[in-house]
Amino acid sequence: MLLASNSRLREDFFERDMEYFAPNYIMVELFEHKEDLLRHSKLSLPEVYELLHRILEKINFVSENSVSRKNKLKAYKLCKGVDEDDTPIVALALELNAHLWTNDKRLKRELRKRGFKKFFIPKNNDIRRP
């Protein structure tokens, strides 16, 4: 998790020279889950806001309107019965022919079963222990 304290994943995110893309919908998700993010991060509220600001600066946000109807439909079929809320994220990955970065094990498993296999695996996909 990018917000976890002592996260190697977070270090990797900031150190890599990569372009990250997300649908505008991600902002809605952040606000819906802000209490969970705060609780799991073990950071103060100002620290969470600062970290989110730094993370969001590295992300290129894309309007869902720029994703083709074909990829939206394909993404919906892939996500149906698993987590339809992830449809915009999967649709954007399809549109950009990009790797999907998710820590949702169930989503990954079900997408693989349905033929989606393009996942981003961070090199530091663990949490640093104190």
Protein backbone atom coordinates (compact mmCIF):
# COMPACT_ATOMS: atom_id res chain seq x y z
CA MET A 1 0.00 0.00 0.00
CA LEU A 2 1.41 3.36 -1.02
CA LEU A 3 0.28 5.04 2.19
CA ALA A 4 1.63 2.44 4.60
CA SER A 5 4.39 3.69 6.83
CA ASN A 6 7.82 2.29 5.90
CA SER A 7 6.51 1.13 2.54
CA ARG A 8 9.04 -0.08 0.00
CA LEU A 9 6.21 0.10 -2.49
CA ARG A 10 5.98 3.83 -1.90
CA GLU A 11 9.75 4.20 -2.34
CA ASP A 12 9.52 2.29 -5.61
CA PHE A 13 6.62 4.47 -6.80
CA PHE A 14 8.57 7.69 -6.27
CA GLU A 15 11.96 6.41 -7.43
CA ARG A 16 10.88 4.87 -10.74
CA ASP A 17 10.93 7.00 -13.82
CA MET A 18 7.53 5.83 -15.04
CA GLU A 19 4.32 7.39 -16.19
CA TYR A 20 1.26 6.49 -14.16
CA PHE A 21 -2.28 6.90 -15.48
CA ALA A 22 -5.62 6.69 -13.71
CA PRO A 23 -9.20 7.55 -14.57
CA ASN A 24 -10.63 10.63 -12.89
CA TYR A 25 -12.84 8.18 -10.99
CA ILE A 26 -9.89 7.43 -8.69
CA MET A 27 -10.54 10.72 -6.92
CA VAL A 28 -14.02 9.48 -5.96
CA GLU A 29 -12.49 6.24 -4.65
CA LEU A 30 -9.98 8.17 -2.54
CA PHE A 31 -12.70 10.21 -0.88
CA GLU A 32 -14.95 7.18 -0.33
CA HIS A 33 -12.12 5.30 1.39
CA LYS A 34 -10.35 8.19 3.13
CA GLU A 35 -11.05 6.85 6.64
CA ASP A 36 -9.60 3.44 5.73
CA LEU A 37 -6.56 5.10 4.16
CA LEU A 38 -5.96 7.16 7.29
CA ARG A 39 -6.36 4.16 9.60
CA HIS A 40 -4.09 1.83 7.59
CA SER A 41 -1.40 4.41 6.95
CA LYS A 42 -0.72 5.08 10.64
CA LEU A 43 0.13 8.63 9.60
CA SER A 44 -1.37 11.84 10.90
CA LEU A 45 -4.03 13.55 8.80
CA PRO A 46 -1.62 16.28 7.61
CA GLU A 47 0.95 13.61 6.69
CA VAL A 48 -1.67 11.67 4.71
CA TYR A 49 -2.70 14.83 2.85
CA GLU A 50 0.92 15.65 2.03
CA LEU A 51 1.63 12.12 0.83
CA LEU A 52 -1.56 12.01 -1.25
CA HIS A 53 -0.57 15.32 -2.81
CA ARG A 54 2.83 13.90 -3.79
CA ILE A 55 1.25 10.71 -5.17
CA LEU A 56 -1.41 12.54 -7.16
CA GLU A 57 1.22 14.83 -8.70
CA LYS A 58 2.82 11.78 -10.34
CA ILE A 59 -0.42 10.50 -11.87
CA ASN A 60 -1.81 11.54 -15.24
CA PHE A 61 -5.57 11.66 -14.86
CA VAL A 62 -7.64 10.66 -17.87
CA SER A 63 -11.29 11.43 -18.47
CA GLU A 64 -13.46 8.35 -18.71
CA ASN A 65 -14.95 9.97 -21.83
CA SER A 66 -11.69 9.38 -23.68
CA VAL A 67 -12.02 5.60 -23.26
CA SER A 68 -13.69 3.85 -26.18
CA ARG A 69 -17.10 2.27 -25.74
CA LYS A 70 -15.57 -1.05 -26.82
CA ASN A 71 -13.03 -1.01 -23.96
CA LYS A 72 -15.62 0.16 -21.44
CA LEU A 73 -17.85 -2.78 -22.38
CA LYS A 74 -14.96 -5.25 -22.33
CA ALA A 75 -13.88 -3.95 -18.91
CA TYR A 76 -17.42 -4.23 -17.57
CA LYS A 77 -17.62 -7.86 -18.70
CA LEU A 78 -14.26 -8.56 -17.06
CA CYS A 79 -15.29 -6.92 -13.77
CA LYS A 80 -18.92 -8.06 -13.66
CA GLY A 81 -19.61 -10.08 -10.54
CA VAL A 82 -16.18 -9.27 -9.13
CA ASP A 83 -16.13 -5.51 -8.54
CA GLU A 84 -17.92 -3.36 -11.08
CA ASP A 85 -16.46 -0.28 -9.36
CA ASP A 86 -13.10 -1.23 -10.91
CA THR A 87 -14.50 -1.06 -14.45
CA PRO A 88 -13.11 2.44 -15.20
CA ILE A 89 -9.62 1.42 -14.08
CA VAL A 90 -9.63 -1.76 -16.15
CA ALA A 91 -11.13 0.10 -19.13
CA LEU A 92 -8.31 2.65 -19.04
CA ALA A 93 -5.68 -0.11 -18.87
CA LEU A 94 -7.29 -1.70 -21.94
CA GLU A 95 -7.47 1.65 -23.76
CA LEU A 96 -3.81 2.44 -23.11
CA ASN A 97 -2.68 -1.16 -23.54
CA ALA A 98 -1.09 -0.65 -20.14
CA HIS A 99 -0.37 -2.84 -17.16
CA LEU A 100 -2.95 -2.71 -14.38
CA TRP A 101 -1.58 -2.03 -10.89
CA THR A 102 -3.85 -3.45 -8.22
CA ASN A 103 -3.33 -5.15 -4.89
CA ASP A 104 -6.82 -6.63 -5.02
CA LYS A 105 -6.05 -10.36 -5.08
CA ARG A 106 -9.61 -11.37 -5.88
CA LEU A 107 -9.81 -8.93 -8.79
CA LYS A 108 -6.48 -10.19 -10.18
CA ARG A 109 -7.54 -13.81 -9.86
CA GLU A 110 -10.89 -13.27 -11.56
CA LEU A 111 -9.46 -11.08 -14.33
CA ARG A 112 -6.85 -13.75 -15.08
CA LYS A 113 -9.58 -16.38 -15.28
CA ARG A 114 -11.36 -14.16 -17.80
CA GLY A 115 -8.30 -13.66 -19.98
CA PHE A 116 -6.82 -10.39 -18.70
CA LYS A 117 -3.19 -10.99 -17.88
CA LYS A 118 -1.42 -7.63 -18.09
CA PHE A 119 -0.58 -6.71 -14.49
CA PHE A 120 2.09 -4.38 -13.17
CA ILE A 121 4.21 -5.99 -10.48
CA PRO A 122 6.27 -3.48 -8.48
CA LYS A 123 9.80 -4.57 -7.73
CA ASN A 124 9.37 -3.68 -4.06
CA ASN A 125 5.98 -5.24 -3.43
CA ASP A 126 6.39 -5.64 0.30
CA ILE A 127 6.22 -3.60 3.46
CA ARG A 128 9.48 -2.81 5.21
CA ARG A 129 9.57 -4.17 8.73
CA PRO A 130 10.89 -1.88 11.48
